[in-house]
Structure formats: structure tokens, C-alpha cells
Amino acid sequence: MRLRALLVIGVLAACARGSRYVPPSQAKLVVVPVGFAPPDTDKPVVYAELATTPEARQRGLGRRTKVDPGEGMLFVYEAPEPRRFWMKDCLVGLDIAFLHDDGRVVSIDTLAPGFGLDDKDVPGVTSTVPVRYVLETPAGWLAGQGVHPGDVVDLSRALDDARRR
């Protein structure tokens, strides 16, 4: 009886996770790793560098003199946690989009560069809920593409590439 109860709980948990899945066809934006072929889509595409290691996540897009429209960085973490991003060493303004596991946008903040500022004055933002993914793009680019909180971002190509690393 106890084994049966555990199986039922496991199935219910799997179904609950599965209900969070959002098909890529419902996405408002597609993230593709830099160097990949353009996807066959009419949706806006971000060609993103993947930050999957602590070193890459620490470096981020800092010290870049420009980030072109349609370029960015996808930060991939092992587990959802509250995330804090700040603009230390950033020479350009950035959009910071916090994303749920299913790619749904939690929030988007546009932050000014923080290069040369005292640490206490560097712009920063913290996710309002635990997240596993964070997408950075040029400041204002996401709004220009019509991407807002609640929209879905197709991360499937980027996450497939991240898993292979």
C-alpha cells in the first residue's frame, strides 16, 4: 500500500511538472546559441552566448563595448534560486529577463551601465521568484520585440546545446 501511494505521488508530481511545459510554437522569442544556423521561424531570435559555468556567469557581458541587436547571453543554472544581477564592469545598458523553467518571462528590467561606479551605486536587480535562466540583451531590445512578462521564450535549442557541454 505504501509503495502504491509513493507511485501515485510520483505520477502526480510528474504530471504537475509536465503541465508547466509550454510548446515552442507558443513562444514569443527564440534563443539560439551563437554559431547555430538561423531557425525557421518568423519570431524574433536572440543569438546568445551560453553562460553555464561560474566563471562565465561571473564575467557575463561585462567590459563589452557593444552588444548588437539580436545578440545576448543566456545564463543557465543547475537549479532555480533567487538571482541577483548587477551592472558592475558593464559598458552598455542591458535588458535582464528572469525566466521560469518553462521559459515564461517572470520580469524584465532595463539597467544602465555601471562601469566606473562605486559598488553601492551600480544598478542591479533581483528576481522576485527563484529562476534557473536569465537572458541578457541590449537595453530596450526585448520591449522593441514586444516581449513582456508572461510571454514564453523558446529555450529548447540553447538548452540542448548547454546539455551537450
N, C-alpha and C. Protein backbone atom coordinates (compact mmCIF):
# COMPACT_ATOMS: atom_id res chain seq x y z
N MET A 1 0.83 -1.20 0.00
CA MET A 1 0.00 0.00 0.00
C MET A 1 0.87 1.26 0.00
N ARG A 2 1.92 1.25 0.81
CA ARG A 2 2.80 2.41 0.89
C ARG A 2 3.50 2.65 -0.45
N LEU A 3 3.94 1.58 -1.11
CA LEU A 3 4.59 1.69 -2.42
C LEU A 3 3.61 2.29 -3.43
N ARG A 4 2.35 1.83 -3.38
CA ARG A 4 1.34 2.35 -4.30
C ARG A 4 1.14 3.86 -4.07
N ALA A 5 1.10 4.29 -2.83
CA ALA A 5 0.93 5.72 -2.51
C ALA A 5 2.12 6.52 -3.03
N LEU A 6 3.32 5.99 -2.86
CA LEU A 6 4.51 6.69 -3.38
C LEU A 6 4.47 6.78 -4.90
N LEU A 7 4.03 5.75 -5.56
CA LEU A 7 3.92 5.78 -7.02
C LEU A 7 2.91 6.83 -7.47
N VAL A 8 1.78 6.89 -6.78
CA VAL A 8 0.76 7.88 -7.12
C VAL A 8 1.31 9.29 -6.94
N ILE A 9 2.01 9.51 -5.85
CA ILE A 9 2.61 10.83 -5.59
C ILE A 9 3.61 11.17 -6.69
N GLY A 10 4.43 10.18 -7.07
CA GLY A 10 5.41 10.40 -8.14
C GLY A 10 4.75 10.75 -9.46
N VAL A 11 3.69 10.04 -9.80
CA VAL A 11 2.98 10.32 -11.05
C VAL A 11 2.36 11.71 -11.01
N LEU A 12 1.74 12.07 -9.89
CA LEU A 12 1.14 13.40 -9.77
C LEU A 12 2.20 14.49 -9.88
N ALA A 13 3.35 14.28 -9.26
CA ALA A 13 4.43 15.27 -9.36
C ALA A 13 4.91 15.40 -10.79
N ALA A 14 5.06 14.29 -11.49
CA ALA A 14 5.49 14.33 -12.90
C ALA A 14 4.46 15.06 -13.75
N CYS A 15 3.19 14.80 -13.50
CA CYS A 15 2.14 15.48 -14.26
C CYS A 15 2.16 16.98 -13.98
N ALA A 16 2.38 17.35 -12.74
CA ALA A 16 2.43 18.77 -12.40
C ALA A 16 3.58 19.44 -13.12
N ARG A 17 4.74 18.79 -13.15
CA ARG A 17 5.87 19.35 -13.89
C ARG A 17 5.53 19.43 -15.37
N GLY A 18 4.92 18.38 -15.89
CA GLY A 18 4.57 18.35 -17.30
C GLY A 18 3.57 19.44 -17.68
N SER A 19 2.71 19.83 -16.76
CA SER A 19 1.71 20.84 -17.07
C SER A 19 2.35 22.21 -17.24
N ARG A 20 3.58 22.36 -16.78
CA ARG A 20 4.28 23.64 -16.93
C ARG A 20 4.92 23.75 -18.31
N TYR A 21 4.99 22.65 -19.06
CA TYR A 21 5.61 22.66 -20.37
C TYR A 21 4.81 23.56 -21.31
N VAL A 22 5.51 24.41 -22.01
CA VAL A 22 4.88 25.28 -22.99
C VAL A 22 5.51 24.95 -24.35
N PRO A 23 4.71 24.58 -25.34
CA PRO A 23 5.27 24.23 -26.64
C PRO A 23 6.00 25.42 -27.27
N PRO A 24 7.13 25.16 -27.95
CA PRO A 24 7.87 26.25 -28.60
C PRO A 24 7.00 27.06 -29.56
N SER A 25 5.97 26.45 -30.12
CA SER A 25 5.10 27.18 -31.06
C SER A 25 4.39 28.36 -30.38
N GLN A 26 4.27 28.33 -29.05
CA GLN A 26 3.62 29.42 -28.32
C GLN A 26 4.61 30.51 -27.90
N ALA A 27 5.88 30.34 -28.24
CA ALA A 27 6.91 31.28 -27.82
C ALA A 27 6.80 32.60 -28.57
N LYS A 28 7.20 33.65 -27.90
CA LYS A 28 7.22 34.99 -28.48
C LYS A 28 8.62 35.32 -29.00
N LEU A 29 9.63 34.56 -28.55
CA LEU A 29 11.03 34.82 -28.85
C LEU A 29 11.76 33.48 -28.85
N VAL A 30 12.79 33.35 -29.69
CA VAL A 30 13.57 32.13 -29.77
C VAL A 30 15.03 32.45 -29.44
N VAL A 31 15.63 31.65 -28.55
CA VAL A 31 17.04 31.81 -28.21
C VAL A 31 17.83 30.69 -28.89
N VAL A 32 18.85 31.08 -29.64
CA VAL A 32 19.69 30.14 -30.38
C VAL A 32 21.14 30.41 -29.97
N PRO A 33 21.92 29.35 -29.71
CA PRO A 33 23.34 29.58 -29.38
C PRO A 33 24.08 30.25 -30.54
N VAL A 34 25.02 31.11 -30.21
CA VAL A 34 25.86 31.75 -31.21
C VAL A 34 26.50 30.67 -32.07
N GLY A 35 26.51 30.89 -33.39
CA GLY A 35 27.12 29.94 -34.31
C GLY A 35 26.15 28.94 -34.89
N PHE A 36 24.94 28.85 -34.35
CA PHE A 36 23.95 27.92 -34.89
C PHE A 36 23.28 28.54 -36.12
N ALA A 37 22.76 27.70 -36.98
CA ALA A 37 22.03 28.16 -38.16
C ALA A 37 20.76 28.87 -37.73
N PRO A 38 20.34 29.85 -38.52
CA PRO A 38 19.08 30.54 -38.20
C PRO A 38 17.91 29.56 -38.19
N PRO A 39 17.06 29.65 -37.20
CA PRO A 39 15.89 28.75 -37.16
C PRO A 39 14.85 29.18 -38.18
N ASP A 40 14.01 28.25 -38.55
CA ASP A 40 12.92 28.52 -39.48
C ASP A 40 11.75 29.05 -38.67
N THR A 41 11.73 30.36 -38.45
CA THR A 41 10.69 30.98 -37.63
C THR A 41 10.49 32.42 -38.06
N ASP A 42 9.30 32.93 -37.82
CA ASP A 42 9.04 34.34 -38.07
C ASP A 42 9.13 35.14 -36.76
N LYS A 43 9.49 34.46 -35.69
CA LYS A 43 9.61 35.11 -34.38
C LYS A 43 10.99 35.76 -34.25
N PRO A 44 11.12 36.78 -33.40
CA PRO A 44 12.45 37.36 -33.16
C PRO A 44 13.39 36.30 -32.58
N VAL A 45 14.66 36.40 -32.94
CA VAL A 45 15.67 35.45 -32.50
C VAL A 45 16.79 36.20 -31.78
N VAL A 46 17.23 35.63 -30.65
CA VAL A 46 18.42 36.11 -29.95
C VAL A 46 19.51 35.06 -30.14
N TYR A 47 20.63 35.48 -30.71
CA TYR A 47 21.80 34.60 -30.79
C TYR A 47 22.59 34.85 -29.51
N ALA A 48 22.58 33.85 -28.64
CA ALA A 48 23.11 34.04 -27.29
C ALA A 48 24.34 33.19 -27.02
N GLU A 49 25.28 33.80 -26.33
CA GLU A 49 26.36 33.04 -25.73
C GLU A 49 25.75 32.35 -24.51
N LEU A 50 26.21 31.16 -24.20
CA LEU A 50 25.69 30.44 -23.04
C LEU A 50 26.67 30.56 -21.89
N ALA A 51 26.17 31.02 -20.76
CA ALA A 51 26.97 31.12 -19.53
C ALA A 51 26.55 29.97 -18.63
N THR A 52 27.31 28.87 -18.69
CA THR A 52 26.95 27.66 -17.95
C THR A 52 27.91 27.34 -16.82
N THR A 53 29.01 28.07 -16.73
CA THR A 53 29.98 27.84 -15.66
C THR A 53 30.01 29.05 -14.73
N PRO A 54 30.46 28.86 -13.49
CA PRO A 54 30.56 30.02 -12.59
C PRO A 54 31.42 31.14 -13.17
N GLU A 55 32.50 30.80 -13.87
CA GLU A 55 33.38 31.82 -14.44
C GLU A 55 32.68 32.61 -15.53
N ALA A 56 31.98 31.90 -16.41
CA ALA A 56 31.27 32.58 -17.50
C ALA A 56 30.14 33.44 -16.95
N ARG A 57 29.45 32.96 -15.92
CA ARG A 57 28.36 33.73 -15.33
C ARG A 57 28.91 34.97 -14.62
N GLN A 58 30.07 34.85 -13.99
CA GLN A 58 30.68 36.00 -13.30
C GLN A 58 31.08 37.08 -14.31
N ARG A 59 31.64 36.66 -15.44
CA ARG A 59 32.12 37.58 -16.48
C ARG A 59 30.93 38.21 -17.21
N GLY A 60 29.94 37.39 -17.55
CA GLY A 60 28.76 37.90 -18.25
C GLY A 60 29.12 38.72 -19.48
N LEU A 61 28.42 39.81 -19.67
CA LEU A 61 28.68 40.70 -20.80
C LEU A 61 29.50 41.92 -20.38
N GLY A 62 30.11 41.84 -19.20
CA GLY A 62 30.93 42.94 -18.71
C GLY A 62 32.09 43.26 -19.64
N ARG A 63 32.43 44.54 -19.69
CA ARG A 63 33.54 45.08 -20.48
C ARG A 63 33.31 45.03 -21.99
N ARG A 64 32.13 44.66 -22.43
CA ARG A 64 31.82 44.70 -23.87
C ARG A 64 31.53 46.15 -24.24
N THR A 65 32.07 46.59 -25.35
CA THR A 65 31.82 47.96 -25.78
C THR A 65 30.50 48.08 -26.53
N LYS A 66 29.96 46.92 -26.99
CA LYS A 66 28.64 46.93 -27.61
C LYS A 66 28.07 45.52 -27.60
N VAL A 67 26.76 45.47 -27.60
CA VAL A 67 26.01 44.23 -27.79
C VAL A 67 25.00 44.57 -28.86
N ASP A 68 25.13 43.92 -30.02
CA ASP A 68 24.27 44.25 -31.16
C ASP A 68 22.84 43.77 -30.94
N PRO A 69 21.88 44.41 -31.59
CA PRO A 69 20.50 43.92 -31.53
C PRO A 69 20.45 42.45 -31.98
N GLY A 70 19.69 41.66 -31.26
CA GLY A 70 19.58 40.24 -31.59
C GLY A 70 20.70 39.40 -31.01
N GLU A 71 21.58 39.99 -30.22
CA GLU A 71 22.63 39.26 -29.53
C GLU A 71 22.36 39.30 -28.04
N GLY A 72 22.96 38.37 -27.31
CA GLY A 72 22.80 38.37 -25.86
C GLY A 72 23.53 37.24 -25.21
N MET A 73 23.15 36.97 -23.97
CA MET A 73 23.74 35.90 -23.19
C MET A 73 22.63 35.24 -22.39
N LEU A 74 22.65 33.89 -22.40
CA LEU A 74 21.71 33.12 -21.60
C LEU A 74 22.48 32.49 -20.46
N PHE A 75 22.09 32.83 -19.24
CA PHE A 75 22.69 32.27 -18.03
C PHE A 75 21.89 31.04 -17.64
N VAL A 76 22.58 29.91 -17.54
CA VAL A 76 21.93 28.63 -17.23
C VAL A 76 22.48 28.14 -15.90
N TYR A 77 21.59 27.95 -14.94
CA TYR A 77 21.96 27.48 -13.61
C TYR A 77 21.43 26.07 -13.40
N GLU A 78 22.00 25.38 -12.41
CA GLU A 78 21.61 23.99 -12.14
C GLU A 78 20.23 23.89 -11.51
N ALA A 79 19.85 24.88 -10.73
CA ALA A 79 18.57 24.82 -10.02
C ALA A 79 18.00 26.23 -9.87
N PRO A 80 16.68 26.33 -9.75
CA PRO A 80 16.08 27.65 -9.53
C PRO A 80 16.45 28.21 -8.16
N GLU A 81 16.85 29.45 -8.14
CA GLU A 81 17.14 30.19 -6.92
C GLU A 81 16.86 31.66 -7.20
N PRO A 82 16.69 32.48 -6.16
CA PRO A 82 16.64 33.93 -6.40
C PRO A 82 17.97 34.35 -7.03
N ARG A 83 17.92 35.16 -8.05
CA ARG A 83 19.14 35.60 -8.76
C ARG A 83 19.28 37.11 -8.67
N ARG A 84 20.50 37.54 -8.42
CA ARG A 84 20.82 38.97 -8.37
C ARG A 84 21.78 39.27 -9.51
N PHE A 85 21.43 40.25 -10.33
CA PHE A 85 22.29 40.71 -11.42
C PHE A 85 22.58 42.19 -11.21
N TRP A 86 23.84 42.54 -11.45
CA TRP A 86 24.20 43.94 -11.36
C TRP A 86 25.10 44.29 -12.52
N MET A 87 25.29 45.57 -12.75
CA MET A 87 25.95 46.06 -13.95
C MET A 87 27.42 46.43 -13.73
N LYS A 88 28.03 45.86 -12.72
CA LYS A 88 29.46 46.09 -12.45
C LYS A 88 30.25 45.76 -13.71
N ASP A 89 31.14 46.64 -14.11
CA ASP A 89 32.01 46.47 -15.28
C ASP A 89 31.26 46.48 -16.61
N CYS A 90 29.98 46.80 -16.62
CA CYS A 90 29.24 46.86 -17.88
C CYS A 90 29.36 48.25 -18.50
N LEU A 91 29.71 48.25 -19.77
CA LEU A 91 29.88 49.50 -20.52
C LEU A 91 28.63 49.88 -21.31
N VAL A 92 27.69 48.95 -21.42
CA VAL A 92 26.45 49.18 -22.17
C VAL A 92 25.25 48.80 -21.30
N GLY A 93 24.12 49.42 -21.56
CA GLY A 93 22.89 49.07 -20.85
C GLY A 93 22.35 47.74 -21.35
N LEU A 94 21.67 47.04 -20.48
CA LEU A 94 21.15 45.71 -20.82
C LEU A 94 19.73 45.52 -20.30
N ASP A 95 18.98 44.69 -21.03
CA ASP A 95 17.73 44.13 -20.52
C ASP A 95 18.10 42.86 -19.77
N ILE A 96 17.52 42.67 -18.60
CA ILE A 96 17.70 41.46 -17.80
C ILE A 96 16.33 40.81 -17.69
N ALA A 97 16.18 39.63 -18.32
CA ALA A 97 14.91 38.92 -18.28
C ALA A 97 15.08 37.67 -17.44
N PHE A 98 14.32 37.57 -16.35
CA PHE A 98 14.32 36.38 -15.50
C PHE A 98 13.27 35.43 -16.05
N LEU A 99 13.65 34.14 -16.20
CA LEU A 99 12.78 33.16 -16.86
C LEU A 99 12.52 31.96 -15.97
N HIS A 100 11.23 31.54 -15.91
CA HIS A 100 10.85 30.29 -15.25
C HIS A 100 11.45 29.10 -15.99
N ASP A 101 11.39 27.93 -15.38
CA ASP A 101 11.89 26.70 -16.02
C ASP A 101 11.23 26.45 -17.38
N ASP A 102 9.98 26.85 -17.54
CA ASP A 102 9.27 26.60 -18.80
C ASP A 102 9.51 27.69 -19.84
N GLY A 103 10.40 28.65 -19.54
CA GLY A 103 10.71 29.72 -20.48
C GLY A 103 9.81 30.94 -20.35
N ARG A 104 8.85 30.88 -19.45
CA ARG A 104 7.95 32.02 -19.27
C ARG A 104 8.70 33.17 -18.58
N VAL A 105 8.53 34.38 -19.10
CA VAL A 105 9.21 35.56 -18.57
C VAL A 105 8.57 35.96 -17.25
N VAL A 106 9.38 36.00 -16.20
CA VAL A 106 8.94 36.46 -14.89
C VAL A 106 8.92 37.99 -14.87
N SER A 107 10.04 38.58 -15.26
CA SER A 107 10.17 40.04 -15.27
C SER A 107 11.29 40.43 -16.21
N ILE A 108 11.23 41.69 -16.65
CA ILE A 108 12.28 42.28 -17.48
C ILE A 108 12.63 43.62 -16.88
N ASP A 109 13.91 43.83 -16.65
CA ASP A 109 14.39 45.11 -16.15
C ASP A 109 15.45 45.63 -17.11
N THR A 110 15.40 46.92 -17.40
CA THR A 110 16.41 47.55 -18.23
C THR A 110 17.33 48.35 -17.31
N LEU A 111 18.62 47.99 -17.35
CA LEU A 111 19.58 48.61 -16.44
C LEU A 111 20.64 49.39 -17.20
N ALA A 112 21.03 50.52 -16.63
CA ALA A 112 22.08 51.36 -17.20
C ALA A 112 23.45 50.76 -16.90
N PRO A 113 24.47 51.13 -17.67
CA PRO A 113 25.82 50.64 -17.40
C PRO A 113 26.28 51.05 -16.00
N GLY A 114 27.16 50.22 -15.43
CA GLY A 114 27.66 50.50 -14.09
C GLY A 114 29.16 50.67 -14.04
N PHE A 115 29.82 50.64 -15.19
CA PHE A 115 31.28 50.73 -15.23
C PHE A 115 31.75 52.03 -14.59
N GLY A 116 32.73 51.90 -13.71
CA GLY A 116 33.34 53.06 -13.07
C GLY A 116 32.60 53.59 -11.86
N LEU A 117 31.45 53.02 -11.54
CA LEU A 117 30.68 53.49 -10.39
C LEU A 117 31.14 52.78 -9.12
N ASP A 118 30.97 53.44 -7.98
CA ASP A 118 31.19 52.78 -6.70
C ASP A 118 30.19 51.62 -6.60
N ASP A 119 30.59 50.54 -5.97
CA ASP A 119 29.74 49.35 -5.87
C ASP A 119 28.33 49.70 -5.38
N LYS A 120 28.23 50.61 -4.43
CA LYS A 120 26.92 50.95 -3.86
C LYS A 120 26.02 51.66 -4.88
N ASP A 121 26.60 52.20 -5.96
CA ASP A 121 25.83 52.93 -6.96
C ASP A 121 25.57 52.13 -8.24
N VAL A 122 26.11 50.93 -8.32
CA VAL A 122 25.95 50.11 -9.53
C VAL A 122 24.51 49.62 -9.61
N PRO A 123 23.84 49.85 -10.76
CA PRO A 123 22.46 49.36 -10.91
C PRO A 123 22.41 47.83 -10.81
N GLY A 124 21.34 47.34 -10.19
CA GLY A 124 21.17 45.90 -10.05
C GLY A 124 19.71 45.55 -9.86
N VAL A 125 19.42 44.26 -10.00
CA VAL A 125 18.05 43.79 -9.84
C VAL A 125 18.09 42.35 -9.35
N THR A 126 17.11 41.98 -8.54
CA THR A 126 16.99 40.62 -8.02
C THR A 126 15.66 40.04 -8.49
N SER A 127 15.69 38.76 -8.88
CA SER A 127 14.45 38.11 -9.31
C SER A 127 13.47 38.06 -8.14
N THR A 128 12.20 38.16 -8.47
CA THR A 128 11.16 38.15 -7.43
C THR A 128 10.81 36.73 -7.00
N VAL A 129 11.21 35.74 -7.81
CA VAL A 129 10.98 34.33 -7.52
C VAL A 129 12.25 33.57 -7.91
N PRO A 130 12.42 32.35 -7.42
CA PRO A 130 13.57 31.56 -7.86
C PRO A 130 13.49 31.28 -9.37
N VAL A 131 14.62 31.44 -10.06
CA VAL A 131 14.68 31.17 -11.51
C VAL A 131 15.94 30.37 -11.83
N ARG A 132 15.89 29.65 -12.93
CA ARG A 132 17.03 28.87 -13.41
C ARG A 132 17.72 29.55 -14.59
N TYR A 133 16.97 30.42 -15.31
CA TYR A 133 17.51 31.03 -16.53
C TYR A 133 17.36 32.54 -16.47
N VAL A 134 18.39 33.22 -17.01
CA VAL A 134 18.35 34.67 -17.13
C VAL A 134 18.90 35.02 -18.51
N LEU A 135 18.18 35.87 -19.22
CA LEU A 135 18.57 36.30 -20.55
C LEU A 135 18.93 37.77 -20.53
N GLU A 136 20.11 38.10 -21.07
CA GLU A 136 20.53 39.49 -21.22
C GLU A 136 20.56 39.84 -22.70
N THR A 137 20.00 41.00 -23.03
CA THR A 137 20.02 41.53 -24.39
C THR A 137 20.31 43.03 -24.31
N PRO A 138 20.55 43.69 -25.44
CA PRO A 138 20.76 45.14 -25.38
C PRO A 138 19.56 45.85 -24.75
N ALA A 139 19.83 46.93 -24.05
CA ALA A 139 18.79 47.70 -23.37
C ALA A 139 17.67 48.08 -24.32
N GLY A 140 16.44 47.74 -23.95
CA GLY A 140 15.26 48.11 -24.72
C GLY A 140 14.93 47.16 -25.86
N TRP A 141 15.81 46.21 -26.15
CA TRP A 141 15.58 45.32 -27.30
C TRP A 141 14.36 44.43 -27.09
N LEU A 142 14.20 43.87 -25.91
CA LEU A 142 13.06 42.98 -25.67
C LEU A 142 11.73 43.70 -25.84
N ALA A 143 11.62 44.90 -25.29
CA ALA A 143 10.38 45.68 -25.45
C ALA A 143 10.15 45.99 -26.93
N GLY A 144 11.22 46.28 -27.65
CA GLY A 144 11.11 46.55 -29.08
C GLY A 144 10.61 45.36 -29.88
N GLN A 145 10.80 44.17 -29.35
CA GLN A 145 10.31 42.94 -29.99
C GLN A 145 8.93 42.55 -29.47
N GLY A 146 8.40 43.35 -28.54
CA GLY A 146 7.07 43.06 -27.99
C GLY A 146 7.07 41.96 -26.93
N VAL A 147 8.24 41.71 -26.31
CA VAL A 147 8.35 40.67 -25.28
C VAL A 147 8.08 41.30 -23.91
N HIS A 148 7.18 40.68 -23.15
CA HIS A 148 6.77 41.21 -21.86
C HIS A 148 6.65 40.08 -20.84
N PRO A 149 6.59 40.40 -19.54
CA PRO A 149 6.37 39.35 -18.54
C PRO A 149 5.12 38.53 -18.88
N GLY A 150 5.24 37.22 -18.69
CA GLY A 150 4.17 36.29 -19.03
C GLY A 150 4.35 35.64 -20.39
N ASP A 151 5.11 36.29 -21.28
CA ASP A 151 5.40 35.69 -22.58
C ASP A 151 6.35 34.52 -22.41
N VAL A 152 6.40 33.67 -23.43
CA VAL A 152 7.26 32.48 -23.40
C VAL A 152 8.44 32.68 -24.34
N VAL A 153 9.61 32.26 -23.88
CA VAL A 153 10.82 32.26 -24.68
C VAL A 153 11.19 30.81 -24.98
N ASP A 154 11.40 30.48 -26.25
CA ASP A 154 11.79 29.13 -26.64
C ASP A 154 13.28 28.96 -26.38
N LEU A 155 13.60 28.20 -25.35
CA LEU A 155 14.99 27.94 -24.96
C LEU A 155 15.49 26.58 -25.44
N SER A 156 14.68 25.84 -26.18
CA SER A 156 14.98 24.44 -26.48
C SER A 156 16.33 24.25 -27.18
N ARG A 157 16.65 25.05 -28.19
CA ARG A 157 17.93 24.89 -28.88
C ARG A 157 19.10 25.22 -27.96
N ALA A 158 18.97 26.28 -27.21
CA ALA A 158 20.03 26.69 -26.31
C ALA A 158 20.26 25.65 -25.22
N LEU A 159 19.18 25.13 -24.64
CA LEU A 159 19.33 24.15 -23.57
C LEU A 159 19.86 22.82 -24.08
N ASP A 160 19.49 22.43 -25.30
CA ASP A 160 20.06 21.22 -25.90
C ASP A 160 21.57 21.37 -26.03
N ASP A 161 22.02 22.54 -26.47
CA ASP A 161 23.46 22.79 -26.61
C ASP A 161 24.14 22.82 -25.24
N ALA A 162 23.48 23.43 -24.25
CA ALA A 162 24.06 23.50 -22.90
C ALA A 162 24.21 22.11 -22.29
N ARG A 163 23.27 21.22 -22.55
CA ARG A 163 23.34 19.86 -22.01
C ARG A 163 24.51 19.07 -22.60
N ARG A 164 24.85 19.38 -23.84
CA ARG A 164 25.96 18.68 -24.51
C ARG A 164 27.32 19.10 -23.99
N ARG A 165 27.37 20.24 -23.32
CA ARG A 165 28.67 20.76 -22.84
C ARG A 165 29.15 20.02 -21.64
